[in-house]
Amino acid sequence: MVRLALRRKGFHMFFMDIWRVCVAPTHPLAGYLYDPNLPTTGPFEVPYVDLYTMKQLDNGDWDMQELDG
C-alpha cells in the first residue's frame, strides 16, 4: 500500500537490507534533479532515504529500528 502510494507520487521504494526510497524519473521535479547529459550512475550513487520503524513507548520515548552492519 505504501509502496504503491509512493510510486504514484514519483518515488521508488525498494528493499536492500532495509526499506529505502529514492526519486523516480517520473517524479514531477525529476527534470530539475537529474541531468540527462550526464552518464548513468553506478550502484549507491543516487540519493535515497532509509526508512526505519519507530514506535512511541509508554514513557514518551521513541524506540527506533537499528540497521545491523
PDB file of N, CA and C in Angstrom:
ATOM      1  N   MET A   1       0.822  -1.189   0.000  1.00  0.00           N
ATOM      2  CA  MET A   1       0.000   0.000   0.000  1.00  0.00           C
ATOM      3  C   MET A   1       0.873   1.262   0.000  1.00  0.00           C
ATOM      4  N   VAL A   2       1.841   1.332   0.906  1.00  0.00           N
ATOM      5  CA  VAL A   2       2.747   2.483   0.949  1.00  0.00           C
ATOM      6  C   VAL A   2       3.579   2.536  -0.321  1.00  0.00           C
ATOM      7  N   ARG A   3       4.020   1.375  -0.758  1.00  0.00           N
ATOM      8  CA  ARG A   3       4.851   1.315  -1.960  1.00  0.00           C
ATOM      9  C   ARG A   3       4.117   1.866  -3.180  1.00  0.00           C
ATOM     10  N   LEU A   4       2.864   1.501  -3.340  1.00  0.00           N
ATOM     11  CA  LEU A   4       2.061   1.987  -4.461  1.00  0.00           C
ATOM     12  C   LEU A   4       1.805   3.488  -4.344  1.00  0.00           C
ATOM     13  N   ALA A   5       1.518   3.963  -3.145  1.00  0.00           N
ATOM     14  CA  ALA A   5       1.284   5.397  -2.938  1.00  0.00           C
ATOM     15  C   ALA A   5       2.537   6.202  -3.275  1.00  0.00           C
ATOM     16  N   LEU A   6       3.705   5.709  -2.880  1.00  0.00           N
ATOM     17  CA  LEU A   6       4.954   6.401  -3.206  1.00  0.00           C
ATOM     18  C   LEU A   6       5.202   6.387  -4.712  1.00  0.00           C
ATOM     19  N   ARG A   7       4.921   5.273  -5.352  1.00  0.00           N
ATOM     20  CA  ARG A   7       5.110   5.184  -6.807  1.00  0.00           C
ATOM     21  C   ARG A   7       4.238   6.198  -7.531  1.00  0.00           C
ATOM     22  N   ARG A   8       3.001   6.347  -7.070  1.00  0.00           N
ATOM     23  CA  ARG A   8       2.091   7.317  -7.696  1.00  0.00           C
ATOM     24  C   ARG A   8       2.589   8.749  -7.547  1.00  0.00           C
ATOM     25  N   LYS A   9       3.383   8.999  -6.519  1.00  0.00           N
ATOM     26  CA  LYS A   9       3.922  10.344  -6.298  1.00  0.00           C
ATOM     27  C   LYS A   9       5.306  10.524  -6.925  1.00  0.00           C
ATOM     28  N   GLY A  10       5.822   9.482  -7.584  1.00  0.00           N
ATOM     29  CA  GLY A  10       7.097   9.607  -8.284  1.00  0.00           C
ATOM     30  C   GLY A  10       8.303   9.152  -7.492  1.00  0.00           C
ATOM     31  N   PHE A  11       8.115   8.177  -6.623  1.00  0.00           N
ATOM     32  CA  PHE A  11       9.227   7.640  -5.838  1.00  0.00           C
ATOM     33  C   PHE A  11       9.325   6.135  -6.057  1.00  0.00           C
ATOM     34  N   HIS A  12      10.530   5.605  -5.925  1.00  0.00           N
ATOM     35  CA  HIS A  12      10.747   4.157  -5.923  1.00  0.00           C
ATOM     36  C   HIS A  12      11.017   3.733  -4.489  1.00  0.00           C
ATOM     37  N   MET A  13      10.334   2.689  -4.027  1.00  0.00           N
ATOM     38  CA  MET A  13      10.593   2.103  -2.718  1.00  0.00           C
ATOM     39  C   MET A  13      11.168   0.716  -2.964  1.00  0.00           C
ATOM     40  N   PHE A  14      12.315   0.435  -2.355  1.00  0.00           N
ATOM     41  CA  PHE A  14      12.973  -0.845  -2.589  1.00  0.00           C
ATOM     42  C   PHE A  14      13.601  -1.346  -1.296  1.00  0.00           C
ATOM     43  N   PHE A  15      13.857  -2.643  -1.245  1.00  0.00           N
ATOM     44  CA  PHE A  15      14.433  -3.255  -0.051  1.00  0.00           C
ATOM     45  C   PHE A  15      15.852  -3.706  -0.346  1.00  0.00           C
ATOM     46  N   MET A  16      16.807  -3.188   0.428  1.00  0.00           N
ATOM     47  CA  MET A  16      18.202  -3.599   0.348  1.00  0.00           C
ATOM     48  C   MET A  16      18.742  -3.566   1.772  1.00  0.00           C
ATOM     49  N   ASP A  17      18.509  -4.628   2.513  1.00  0.00           N
ATOM     50  CA  ASP A  17      18.806  -4.740   3.947  1.00  0.00           C
ATOM     51  C   ASP A  17      17.848  -3.929   4.804  1.00  0.00           C
ATOM     52  N   ILE A  18      17.260  -2.914   4.246  1.00  0.00           N
ATOM     53  CA  ILE A  18      16.266  -2.079   4.913  1.00  0.00           C
ATOM     54  C   ILE A  18      15.445  -1.418   3.805  1.00  0.00           C
ATOM     55  N   TRP A  19      14.222  -0.994   4.097  1.00  0.00           N
ATOM     56  CA  TRP A  19      13.409  -0.311   3.087  1.00  0.00           C
ATOM     57  C   TRP A  19      14.000   1.063   2.811  1.00  0.00           C
ATOM     58  N   ARG A  20      14.077   1.406   1.539  1.00  0.00           N
ATOM     59  CA  ARG A  20      14.655   2.681   1.110  1.00  0.00           C
ATOM     60  C   ARG A  20      13.768   3.308   0.041  1.00  0.00           C
ATOM     61  N   VAL A  21      13.889   4.632  -0.104  1.00  0.00           N
ATOM     62  CA  VAL A  21      13.095   5.378  -1.084  1.00  0.00           C
ATOM     63  C   VAL A  21      14.017   6.331  -1.836  1.00  0.00           C
ATOM     64  N   CYS A  22      13.832   6.408  -3.155  1.00  0.00           N
ATOM     65  CA  CYS A  22      14.556   7.393  -3.957  1.00  0.00           C
ATOM     66  C   CYS A  22      13.589   8.017  -4.966  1.00  0.00           C
ATOM     67  N   VAL A  23      13.987   9.140  -5.527  1.00  0.00           N
ATOM     68  CA  VAL A  23      13.163   9.849  -6.511  1.00  0.00           C
ATOM     69  C   VAL A  23      13.222   9.099  -7.840  1.00  0.00           C
ATOM     70  N   ALA A  24      12.064   8.841  -8.421  1.00  0.00           N
ATOM     71  CA  ALA A  24      11.978   8.142  -9.711  1.00  0.00           C
ATOM     72  C   ALA A  24      12.032   9.152 -10.859  1.00  0.00           C
ATOM     73  N   PRO A  25      12.385   8.703 -12.053  1.00  0.00           N
ATOM     74  CA  PRO A  25      12.384   9.597 -13.211  1.00  0.00           C
ATOM     75  C   PRO A  25      11.004  10.176 -13.513  1.00  0.00           C
ATOM     76  N   THR A  26       9.950   9.557 -12.997  1.00  0.00           N
ATOM     77  CA  THR A  26       8.586  10.039 -13.227  1.00  0.00           C
ATOM     78  C   THR A  26       8.152  11.106 -12.226  1.00  0.00           C
ATOM     79  N   HIS A  27       9.000  11.430 -11.256  1.00  0.00           N
ATOM     80  CA  HIS A  27       8.661  12.459 -10.266  1.00  0.00           C
ATOM     81  C   HIS A  27       8.526  13.804 -10.978  1.00  0.00           C
ATOM     82  N   PRO A  28       7.553  14.634 -10.584  1.00  0.00           N
ATOM     83  CA  PRO A  28       7.348  15.927 -11.256  1.00  0.00           C
ATOM     84  C   PRO A  28       8.585  16.831 -11.274  1.00  0.00           C
ATOM     85  N   LEU A  29       9.465  16.704 -10.296  1.00  0.00           N
ATOM     86  CA  LEU A  29      10.661  17.548 -10.245  1.00  0.00           C
ATOM     87  C   LEU A  29      11.918  16.837 -10.741  1.00  0.00           C
ATOM     88  N   ALA A  30      11.776  15.638 -11.276  1.00  0.00           N
ATOM     89  CA  ALA A  30      12.943  14.858 -11.700  1.00  0.00           C
ATOM     90  C   ALA A  30      13.781  15.604 -12.734  1.00  0.00           C
ATOM     91  N   GLY A  31      13.146  16.370 -13.588  1.00  0.00           N
ATOM     92  CA  GLY A  31      13.881  17.133 -14.594  1.00  0.00           C
ATOM     93  C   GLY A  31      14.829  18.151 -13.994  1.00  0.00           C
ATOM     94  N   TYR A  32      14.535  18.597 -12.787  1.00  0.00           N
ATOM     95  CA  TYR A  32      15.413  19.543 -12.098  1.00  0.00           C
ATOM     96  C   TYR A  32      16.480  18.827 -11.275  1.00  0.00           C
ATOM     97  N   LEU A  33      16.251  17.562 -10.980  1.00  0.00           N
ATOM     98  CA  LEU A  33      17.169  16.810 -10.127  1.00  0.00           C
ATOM     99  C   LEU A  33      18.195  16.019 -10.921  1.00  0.00           C
ATOM    100  N   TYR A  34      17.842  15.604 -12.123  1.00  0.00           N
ATOM    101  CA  TYR A  34      18.720  14.764 -12.936  1.00  0.00           C
ATOM    102  C   TYR A  34      19.136  15.503 -14.197  1.00  0.00           C
ATOM    103  N   ASP A  35      20.391  15.370 -14.577  1.00  0.00           N
ATOM    104  CA  ASP A  35      20.913  15.967 -15.800  1.00  0.00           C
ATOM    105  C   ASP A  35      21.006  14.872 -16.868  1.00  0.00           C
ATOM    106  N   PRO A  36      20.178  14.945 -17.910  1.00  0.00           N
ATOM    107  CA  PRO A  36      20.190  13.884 -18.927  1.00  0.00           C
ATOM    108  C   PRO A  36      21.489  13.830 -19.727  1.00  0.00           C
ATOM    109  N   ASN A  37      22.331  14.857 -19.605  1.00  0.00           N
ATOM    110  CA  ASN A  37      23.597  14.874 -20.335  1.00  0.00           C
ATOM    111  C   ASN A  37      24.705  14.129 -19.602  1.00  0.00           C
ATOM    112  N   LEU A  38      24.458  13.745 -18.354  1.00  0.00           N
ATOM    113  CA  LEU A  38      25.463  13.012 -17.587  1.00  0.00           C
ATOM    114  C   LEU A  38      25.262  11.512 -17.770  1.00  0.00           C
ATOM    115  N   PRO A  39      26.339  10.734 -17.602  1.00  0.00           N
ATOM    116  CA  PRO A  39      26.194   9.279 -17.747  1.00  0.00           C
ATOM    117  C   PRO A  39      25.370   8.684 -16.608  1.00  0.00           C
ATOM    118  N   THR A  40      24.871   7.479 -16.835  1.00  0.00           N
ATOM    119  CA  THR A  40      24.121   6.764 -15.805  1.00  0.00           C
ATOM    120  C   THR A  40      25.024   6.523 -14.600  1.00  0.00           C
ATOM    121  N   THR A  41      24.469   6.655 -13.421  1.00  0.00           N
ATOM    122  CA  THR A  41      25.263   6.474 -12.206  1.00  0.00           C
ATOM    123  C   THR A  41      25.445   4.998 -11.890  1.00  0.00           C
ATOM    124  N   GLY A  42      26.436   4.731 -11.068  1.00  0.00           N
ATOM    125  CA  GLY A  42      26.687   3.363 -10.619  1.00  0.00           C
ATOM    126  C   GLY A  42      25.885   3.060  -9.366  1.00  0.00           C
ATOM    127  N   PRO A  43      26.032   1.859  -8.828  1.00  0.00           N
ATOM    128  CA  PRO A  43      25.312   1.485  -7.608  1.00  0.00           C
ATOM    129  C   PRO A  43      25.628   2.430  -6.450  1.00  0.00           C
ATOM    130  N   PHE A  44      24.634   2.765  -5.696  1.00  0.00           N
ATOM    131  CA  PHE A  44      24.740   3.602  -4.496  1.00  0.00           C
ATOM    132  C   PHE A  44      25.178   5.032  -4.794  1.00  0.00           C
ATOM    133  N   GLU A  45      25.055   5.492  -6.029  1.00  0.00           N
ATOM    134  CA  GLU A  45      25.431   6.858  -6.369  1.00  0.00           C
ATOM    135  C   GLU A  45      24.217   7.764  -6.528  1.00  0.00           C
ATOM    136  N   VAL A  46      23.046   7.254  -6.220  1.00  0.00           N
ATOM    137  CA  VAL A  46      21.813   8.035  -6.295  1.00  0.00           C
ATOM    138  C   VAL A  46      21.336   8.290  -4.874  1.00  0.00           C
ATOM    139  N   PRO A  47      20.946   9.524  -4.553  1.00  0.00           N
ATOM    140  CA  PRO A  47      20.477   9.783  -3.187  1.00  0.00           C
ATOM    141  C   PRO A  47      19.210   8.996  -2.864  1.00  0.00           C
ATOM    142  N   TYR A  48      19.169   8.474  -1.669  1.00  0.00           N
ATOM    143  CA  TYR A  48      18.000   7.736  -1.204  1.00  0.00           C
ATOM    144  C   TYR A  48      17.850   7.954   0.297  1.00  0.00           C
ATOM    145  N   VAL A  49      16.708   7.592   0.814  1.00  0.00           N
ATOM    146  CA  VAL A  49      16.406   7.744   2.237  1.00  0.00           C
ATOM    147  C   VAL A  49      16.111   6.364   2.805  1.00  0.00           C
ATOM    148  N   ASP A  50      16.725   6.039   3.936  1.00  0.00           N
ATOM    149  CA  ASP A  50      16.409   4.797   4.641  1.00  0.00           C
ATOM    150  C   ASP A  50      15.149   4.990   5.461  1.00  0.00           C
ATOM    151  N   LEU A  51      14.300   3.968   5.489  1.00  0.00           N
ATOM    152  CA  LEU A  51      13.065   4.008   6.275  1.00  0.00           C
ATOM    153  C   LEU A  51      13.221   3.098   7.490  1.00  0.00           C
ATOM    154  N   TYR A  52      13.053   3.653   8.663  1.00  0.00           N
ATOM    155  CA  TYR A  52      13.175   2.899   9.903  1.00  0.00           C
ATOM    156  C   TYR A  52      11.829   2.824  10.604  1.00  0.00           C
ATOM    157  N   THR A  53      11.564   1.685  11.237  1.00  0.00           N
ATOM    158  CA  THR A  53      10.356   1.529  12.032  1.00  0.00           C
ATOM    159  C   THR A  53      10.546   2.261  13.352  1.00  0.00           C
ATOM    160  N   MET A  54       9.557   3.052  13.733  1.00  0.00           N
ATOM    161  CA  MET A  54       9.592   3.770  15.014  1.00  0.00           C
ATOM    162  C   MET A  54       8.274   3.556  15.735  1.00  0.00           C
ATOM    163  N   LYS A  55       8.343   3.463  17.056  1.00  0.00           N
ATOM    164  CA  LYS A  55       7.113   3.418  17.847  1.00  0.00           C
ATOM    165  C   LYS A  55       7.352   4.161  19.153  1.00  0.00           C
ATOM    166  N   GLN A  56       6.326   4.863  19.582  1.00  0.00           N
ATOM    167  CA  GLN A  56       6.435   5.631  20.815  1.00  0.00           C
ATOM    168  C   GLN A  56       6.144   4.720  21.999  1.00  0.00           C
ATOM    169  N   LEU A  57       7.011   4.789  23.000  1.00  0.00           N
ATOM    170  CA  LEU A  57       6.862   3.986  24.207  1.00  0.00           C
ATOM    171  C   LEU A  57       5.918   4.674  25.182  1.00  0.00           C
ATOM    172  N   ASP A  58       5.470   3.942  26.176  1.00  0.00           N
ATOM    173  CA  ASP A  58       4.536   4.492  27.164  1.00  0.00           C
ATOM    174  C   ASP A  58       5.101   5.703  27.903  1.00  0.00           C
ATOM    175  N   ASN A  59       6.434   5.755  28.077  1.00  0.00           N
ATOM    176  CA  ASN A  59       7.048   6.874  28.800  1.00  0.00           C
ATOM    177  C   ASN A  59       7.317   8.084  27.900  1.00  0.00           C
ATOM    178  N   GLY A  60       6.910   8.013  26.634  1.00  0.00           N
ATOM    179  CA  GLY A  60       7.084   9.140  25.716  1.00  0.00           C
ATOM    180  C   GLY A  60       8.335   9.040  24.857  1.00  0.00           C
ATOM    181  N   ASP A  61       9.273   8.162  25.228  1.00  0.00           N
ATOM    182  CA  ASP A  61      10.471   7.959  24.417  1.00  0.00           C
ATOM    183  C   ASP A  61      10.105   7.220  23.133  1.00  0.00           C
ATOM    184  N   TRP A  62      11.041   7.187  22.203  1.00  0.00           N
ATOM    185  CA  TRP A  62      10.817   6.500  20.938  1.00  0.00           C
ATOM    186  C   TRP A  62      11.764   5.315  20.817  1.00  0.00           C
ATOM    187  N   ASP A  63      11.246   4.199  20.346  1.00  0.00           N
ATOM    188  CA  ASP A  63      12.042   3.019  20.037  1.00  0.00           C
ATOM    189  C   ASP A  63      12.196   2.991  18.521  1.00  0.00           C
ATOM    190  N   MET A  64      13.450   2.977  18.052  1.00  0.00           N
ATOM    191  CA  MET A  64      13.701   3.034  16.618  1.00  0.00           C
ATOM    192  C   MET A  64      14.484   1.808  16.167  1.00  0.00           C
ATOM    193  N   GLN A  65      14.090   1.266  15.047  1.00  0.00           N
ATOM    194  CA  GLN A  65      14.799   0.142  14.440  1.00  0.00           C
ATOM    195  C   GLN A  65      16.230   0.563  14.155  1.00  0.00           C
ATOM    196  N   GLU A  66      17.169  -0.350  14.353  1.00  0.00           N
ATOM    197  CA  GLU A  66      18.568  -0.074  14.049  1.00  0.00           C
ATOM    198  C   GLU A  66      19.037  -1.020  12.962  1.00  0.00           C
ATOM    199  N   LEU A  67      19.860  -0.504  12.078  1.00  0.00           N
ATOM    200  CA  LEU A  67      20.403  -1.306  10.990  1.00  0.00           C
ATOM    201  C   LEU A  67      21.660  -2.008  11.477  1.00  0.00           C
ATOM    202  N   ASP A  68      21.685  -3.323  11.380  1.00  0.00           N
ATOM    203  CA  ASP A  68      22.885  -4.076  11.750  1.00  0.00           C
ATOM    204  C   ASP A  68      23.905  -3.934  10.632  1.00  0.00           C
ATOM    205  N   GLY A  69      25.136  -3.649  11.027  1.00  0.00           N
ATOM    206  CA  GLY A  69      26.126  -3.523   9.973  1.00  0.00           C
ATOM    207  C   GLY A  69      27.496  -3.310  10.450  1.00  0.00           C
TER     208      GLY A  69
END
